[in-house]
Amino acid sequence: MAAPYSRILDLAKVQCRIFSLNFNPQRLRLGNKVLRQRLRGPTLAEWYPKKAVSFRDLQDSYKPLGLTMFDEAEDDREEAIQIAKLRGKGRPKKKRTAAESRSAKKKK
């Protein structure tokens, strides 16, 4: 003799309460499987190396003391930008108004 359906539902409800599970008699997709999984964030964060101290960090830490440091790589970069500007290869100037834009000049 089979047990009535309501009795089976009551048993499932009590079982879910005891074992801290979600009671879902309609079998809806609630996403509980994903929510029960352990978090991946800490594992992914451990994969990448910690950020090392850069030269700019050192400069910023000594700036309040009035000390300046010479960054040769930054100086070389700025010099290369100046040379490119002299040859006409630098970045274009920003347009401040619509009248300065290229499309506005063509319409005149």
N, C-alpha and C. Protein backbone atom coordinates (compact mmCIF):
# COMPACT_ATOMS: atom_id res chain seq x y z
N MET A 1 0.83 -1.17 0.00
CA MET A 1 0.00 0.00 0.00
C MET A 1 0.89 1.25 0.00
N ALA A 2 0.64 2.16 -0.95
CA ALA A 2 1.45 3.37 -1.11
C ALA A 2 0.96 4.47 -0.16
N ALA A 3 1.91 5.26 0.29
CA ALA A 3 1.57 6.37 1.19
C ALA A 3 0.97 7.52 0.37
N PRO A 4 0.03 8.26 0.94
CA PRO A 4 -0.54 9.39 0.19
C PRO A 4 0.53 10.47 -0.09
N TYR A 5 0.29 11.19 -1.19
CA TYR A 5 1.26 12.19 -1.65
C TYR A 5 1.48 13.29 -0.61
N SER A 6 0.43 13.69 0.07
CA SER A 6 0.57 14.75 1.08
C SER A 6 1.46 14.30 2.23
N ARG A 7 1.38 13.01 2.57
CA ARG A 7 2.23 12.48 3.64
C ARG A 7 3.70 12.48 3.21
N ILE A 8 3.96 12.17 1.95
CA ILE A 8 5.34 12.18 1.42
C ILE A 8 5.88 13.61 1.41
N LEU A 9 5.03 14.58 1.04
CA LEU A 9 5.46 15.98 1.06
C LEU A 9 5.79 16.44 2.48
N ASP A 10 4.97 16.03 3.45
CA ASP A 10 5.24 16.40 4.83
C ASP A 10 6.57 15.81 5.30
N LEU A 11 6.82 14.56 4.90
CA LEU A 11 8.09 13.91 5.26
C LEU A 11 9.28 14.65 4.62
N ALA A 12 9.13 15.05 3.36
CA ALA A 12 10.20 15.77 2.67
C ALA A 12 10.45 17.13 3.32
N LYS A 13 9.36 17.78 3.76
CA LYS A 13 9.48 19.09 4.40
C LYS A 13 10.24 18.98 5.71
N VAL A 14 9.93 17.95 6.50
CA VAL A 14 10.63 17.74 7.78
C VAL A 14 12.09 17.39 7.53
N GLN A 15 12.32 16.56 6.53
CA GLN A 15 13.69 16.16 6.19
C GLN A 15 14.52 17.38 5.78
N CYS A 16 13.93 18.28 4.98
CA CYS A 16 14.65 19.48 4.56
C CYS A 16 14.95 20.39 5.75
N ARG A 17 14.01 20.47 6.70
CA ARG A 17 14.23 21.30 7.88
C ARG A 17 15.36 20.73 8.74
N ILE A 18 15.42 19.40 8.87
CA ILE A 18 16.44 18.77 9.70
C ILE A 18 17.84 18.95 9.10
N PHE A 19 17.95 18.76 7.78
CA PHE A 19 19.26 18.78 7.12
C PHE A 19 19.59 20.13 6.49
N SER A 20 18.82 21.18 6.83
CA SER A 20 19.06 22.54 6.33
C SER A 20 19.10 22.60 4.81
N LEU A 21 18.11 21.99 4.18
CA LEU A 21 17.98 22.02 2.73
C LEU A 21 16.76 22.86 2.37
N ASN A 22 16.67 23.26 1.10
CA ASN A 22 15.51 24.03 0.64
C ASN A 22 14.41 23.07 0.22
N PHE A 23 13.21 23.31 0.68
CA PHE A 23 12.07 22.51 0.30
C PHE A 23 11.54 23.05 -1.02
N ASN A 24 11.59 22.25 -2.06
CA ASN A 24 11.22 22.68 -3.40
C ASN A 24 10.39 21.58 -4.06
N PRO A 25 9.11 21.43 -3.69
CA PRO A 25 8.32 20.34 -4.26
C PRO A 25 8.00 20.52 -5.74
N GLN A 26 8.01 21.76 -6.25
CA GLN A 26 7.73 21.97 -7.68
C GLN A 26 8.97 21.76 -8.54
N ARG A 27 10.10 21.53 -7.92
CA ARG A 27 11.38 21.29 -8.61
C ARG A 27 11.74 22.46 -9.52
N LEU A 28 11.61 23.66 -8.99
CA LEU A 28 11.98 24.86 -9.73
C LEU A 28 13.50 25.02 -9.71
N ARG A 29 14.02 25.74 -10.72
CA ARG A 29 15.47 25.99 -10.77
C ARG A 29 15.76 27.22 -9.92
N LEU A 30 16.30 27.00 -8.73
CA LEU A 30 16.52 28.08 -7.78
C LEU A 30 17.98 28.52 -7.70
N GLY A 31 18.89 27.79 -8.29
CA GLY A 31 20.30 28.16 -8.25
C GLY A 31 21.01 27.72 -6.99
N ASN A 32 20.40 26.82 -6.21
CA ASN A 32 21.02 26.40 -4.96
C ASN A 32 22.31 25.63 -5.18
N LYS A 33 22.39 24.91 -6.29
CA LYS A 33 23.61 24.15 -6.58
C LYS A 33 24.81 25.09 -6.71
N VAL A 34 24.59 26.22 -7.37
CA VAL A 34 25.67 27.18 -7.56
C VAL A 34 25.99 27.88 -6.25
N LEU A 35 24.96 28.21 -5.47
CA LEU A 35 25.18 28.93 -4.22
C LEU A 35 25.87 28.08 -3.17
N ARG A 36 25.73 26.76 -3.25
CA ARG A 36 26.38 25.87 -2.27
C ARG A 36 27.86 25.67 -2.57
N GLN A 37 28.28 25.93 -3.82
CA GLN A 37 29.68 25.72 -4.17
C GLN A 37 30.57 26.71 -3.43
N ARG A 38 31.80 26.30 -3.20
CA ARG A 38 32.71 27.20 -2.50
C ARG A 38 33.13 28.32 -3.42
N LEU A 39 33.49 29.45 -2.83
CA LEU A 39 33.81 30.64 -3.60
C LEU A 39 35.14 30.47 -4.34
N ARG A 40 35.20 31.00 -5.54
CA ARG A 40 36.41 30.87 -6.36
C ARG A 40 37.32 32.08 -6.25
N GLY A 41 36.83 33.18 -5.70
CA GLY A 41 37.59 34.42 -5.66
C GLY A 41 38.92 34.32 -4.95
N PRO A 42 38.98 33.76 -3.72
CA PRO A 42 40.26 33.66 -3.04
C PRO A 42 41.28 32.81 -3.80
N THR A 43 40.82 31.74 -4.42
CA THR A 43 41.73 30.87 -5.17
C THR A 43 42.28 31.61 -6.39
N LEU A 44 41.43 32.35 -7.08
CA LEU A 44 41.89 33.10 -8.24
C LEU A 44 42.84 34.22 -7.83
N ALA A 45 42.58 34.84 -6.70
CA ALA A 45 43.46 35.92 -6.23
C ALA A 45 44.84 35.39 -5.85
N GLU A 46 44.91 34.17 -5.35
CA GLU A 46 46.20 33.59 -4.99
C GLU A 46 47.03 33.25 -6.22
N TRP A 47 46.38 33.05 -7.36
CA TRP A 47 47.07 32.63 -8.58
C TRP A 47 48.02 33.73 -9.05
N TYR A 48 47.60 34.99 -8.96
CA TYR A 48 48.41 36.09 -9.45
C TYR A 48 49.39 36.55 -8.37
N PRO A 49 50.59 36.93 -8.78
CA PRO A 49 51.57 37.36 -7.78
C PRO A 49 51.16 38.69 -7.14
N LYS A 50 51.67 38.91 -5.96
CA LYS A 50 51.40 40.15 -5.25
C LYS A 50 52.08 41.30 -6.00
N LYS A 51 51.47 42.50 -5.93
CA LYS A 51 52.04 43.65 -6.61
C LYS A 51 53.31 44.10 -5.90
N ALA A 52 54.37 44.23 -6.67
CA ALA A 52 55.64 44.68 -6.11
C ALA A 52 55.64 46.20 -6.02
N VAL A 53 56.51 46.73 -5.21
CA VAL A 53 56.64 48.18 -5.06
C VAL A 53 57.30 48.73 -6.31
N SER A 54 56.70 49.78 -6.87
CA SER A 54 57.25 50.38 -8.07
C SER A 54 58.06 51.63 -7.70
N PHE A 55 58.75 52.15 -8.70
CA PHE A 55 59.56 53.34 -8.48
C PHE A 55 58.67 54.53 -8.15
N ARG A 56 57.48 54.57 -8.78
CA ARG A 56 56.55 55.67 -8.52
C ARG A 56 56.06 55.63 -7.07
N ASP A 57 55.87 54.43 -6.51
CA ASP A 57 55.47 54.32 -5.10
C ASP A 57 56.53 54.92 -4.18
N LEU A 58 57.80 54.65 -4.50
CA LEU A 58 58.89 55.24 -3.71
C LEU A 58 58.90 56.76 -3.83
N GLN A 59 58.70 57.25 -5.05
CA GLN A 59 58.66 58.70 -5.25
C GLN A 59 57.55 59.34 -4.43
N ASP A 60 56.38 58.73 -4.46
CA ASP A 60 55.24 59.28 -3.73
C ASP A 60 55.46 59.25 -2.22
N SER A 61 56.18 58.23 -1.73
CA SER A 61 56.41 58.15 -0.29
C SER A 61 57.43 59.19 0.19
N TYR A 62 58.38 59.58 -0.67
CA TYR A 62 59.39 60.56 -0.27
C TYR A 62 59.00 62.00 -0.62
N LYS A 63 57.93 62.19 -1.40
CA LYS A 63 57.52 63.54 -1.80
C LYS A 63 57.13 64.42 -0.61
N PRO A 64 56.40 63.93 0.40
CA PRO A 64 56.06 64.80 1.54
C PRO A 64 57.29 65.29 2.32
N LEU A 65 58.39 64.55 2.22
CA LEU A 65 59.61 64.96 2.93
C LEU A 65 60.41 66.00 2.15
N GLY A 66 59.95 66.30 0.93
CA GLY A 66 60.66 67.29 0.12
C GLY A 66 61.80 66.68 -0.67
N LEU A 67 61.92 65.39 -0.69
CA LEU A 67 62.97 64.72 -1.45
C LEU A 67 62.46 64.37 -2.84
N THR A 68 63.31 64.54 -3.84
CA THR A 68 62.94 64.17 -5.20
C THR A 68 63.88 63.09 -5.68
N MET A 69 63.37 62.26 -6.55
CA MET A 69 64.17 61.16 -7.09
C MET A 69 64.17 61.28 -8.61
N PHE A 70 65.20 60.80 -9.24
CA PHE A 70 65.33 60.86 -10.68
C PHE A 70 64.97 59.49 -11.26
N ASP A 71 63.94 59.47 -12.10
CA ASP A 71 63.51 58.25 -12.76
C ASP A 71 63.99 58.30 -14.20
N GLU A 72 65.00 57.52 -14.50
CA GLU A 72 65.61 57.56 -15.82
C GLU A 72 64.65 57.07 -16.90
N ALA A 73 63.86 56.04 -16.59
CA ALA A 73 62.93 55.50 -17.58
C ALA A 73 61.86 56.53 -17.91
N GLU A 74 61.35 57.23 -16.91
CA GLU A 74 60.34 58.27 -17.15
C GLU A 74 60.93 59.43 -17.93
N ASP A 75 62.16 59.78 -17.63
CA ASP A 75 62.83 60.86 -18.35
C ASP A 75 63.02 60.48 -19.82
N ASP A 76 63.41 59.23 -20.08
CA ASP A 76 63.57 58.76 -21.46
C ASP A 76 62.23 58.77 -22.20
N ARG A 77 61.16 58.41 -21.51
CA ARG A 77 59.84 58.39 -22.13
C ARG A 77 59.40 59.80 -22.52
N GLU A 78 59.58 60.75 -21.60
CA GLU A 78 59.20 62.13 -21.89
C GLU A 78 60.04 62.72 -23.03
N GLU A 79 61.32 62.35 -23.07
CA GLU A 79 62.19 62.83 -24.15
C GLU A 79 61.74 62.27 -25.49
N ALA A 80 61.34 61.01 -25.52
CA ALA A 80 60.86 60.39 -26.76
C ALA A 80 59.56 61.06 -27.22
N ILE A 81 58.71 61.44 -26.28
CA ILE A 81 57.47 62.13 -26.62
C ILE A 81 57.78 63.49 -27.24
N GLN A 82 58.74 64.22 -26.66
CA GLN A 82 59.11 65.53 -27.20
C GLN A 82 59.68 65.41 -28.61
N ILE A 83 60.50 64.41 -28.85
CA ILE A 83 61.07 64.20 -30.19
C ILE A 83 59.97 63.88 -31.19
N ALA A 84 59.01 63.04 -30.78
CA ALA A 84 57.90 62.70 -31.66
C ALA A 84 57.05 63.93 -31.97
N LYS A 85 56.84 64.81 -30.99
CA LYS A 85 56.08 66.04 -31.23
C LYS A 85 56.79 66.93 -32.24
N LEU A 86 58.12 67.03 -32.13
CA LEU A 86 58.87 67.87 -33.06
C LEU A 86 58.76 67.33 -34.49
N ARG A 87 58.64 66.02 -34.66
CA ARG A 87 58.50 65.44 -35.98
C ARG A 87 57.05 65.43 -36.46
N GLY A 88 56.14 65.90 -35.59
CA GLY A 88 54.73 65.91 -35.97
C GLY A 88 54.03 64.58 -35.75
N LYS A 89 54.60 63.72 -34.93
CA LYS A 89 54.05 62.40 -34.68
C LYS A 89 53.42 62.25 -33.30
N GLY A 90 53.28 63.37 -32.58
CA GLY A 90 52.70 63.32 -31.24
C GLY A 90 51.19 63.14 -31.28
N ARG A 91 50.59 62.98 -30.13
CA ARG A 91 49.14 62.80 -30.08
C ARG A 91 48.48 64.12 -30.44
N PRO A 92 47.32 64.06 -31.06
CA PRO A 92 46.63 65.31 -31.42
C PRO A 92 46.08 66.01 -30.20
N LYS A 93 45.94 67.33 -30.31
CA LYS A 93 45.40 68.11 -29.20
C LYS A 93 43.92 67.81 -29.04
N LYS A 94 43.44 67.89 -27.81
CA LYS A 94 42.02 67.68 -27.54
C LYS A 94 41.24 68.89 -28.03
N LYS A 95 40.06 68.60 -28.56
CA LYS A 95 39.19 69.67 -29.01
C LYS A 95 38.32 70.10 -27.84
N ARG A 96 38.29 71.39 -27.55
CA ARG A 96 37.55 71.89 -26.40
C ARG A 96 36.11 72.25 -26.75
N THR A 97 35.84 72.61 -27.99
CA THR A 97 34.48 72.98 -28.38
C THR A 97 34.11 72.24 -29.66
N ALA A 98 32.83 72.27 -30.01
CA ALA A 98 32.38 71.62 -31.23
C ALA A 98 32.92 72.34 -32.45
N ALA A 99 33.16 73.66 -32.34
CA ALA A 99 33.66 74.43 -33.47
C ALA A 99 35.08 74.00 -33.85
N GLU A 100 35.84 73.52 -32.90
CA GLU A 100 37.21 73.10 -33.17
C GLU A 100 37.29 71.71 -33.79
N SER A 101 36.21 70.99 -33.76
CA SER A 101 36.26 69.61 -34.24
C SER A 101 36.46 69.58 -35.76
N ARG A 102 36.93 68.47 -36.25
CA ARG A 102 37.26 68.32 -37.66
C ARG A 102 36.01 68.39 -38.52
N SER A 103 34.91 67.79 -38.04
CA SER A 103 33.69 67.77 -38.84
C SER A 103 33.10 69.18 -38.97
N ALA A 104 33.24 70.01 -37.94
CA ALA A 104 32.73 71.38 -38.00
C ALA A 104 33.54 72.22 -39.00
N LYS A 105 34.83 71.94 -39.11
CA LYS A 105 35.68 72.68 -40.03
C LYS A 105 35.34 72.34 -41.48
N LYS A 106 34.97 71.10 -41.75
CA LYS A 106 34.64 70.67 -43.10
C LYS A 106 33.36 71.32 -43.60
N LYS A 107 32.41 71.59 -42.69
CA LYS A 107 31.11 72.16 -43.09
C LYS A 107 31.22 73.62 -43.51
N LYS A 108 32.27 74.31 -43.12
CA LYS A 108 32.43 75.75 -43.44
C LYS A 108 32.67 75.98 -44.90
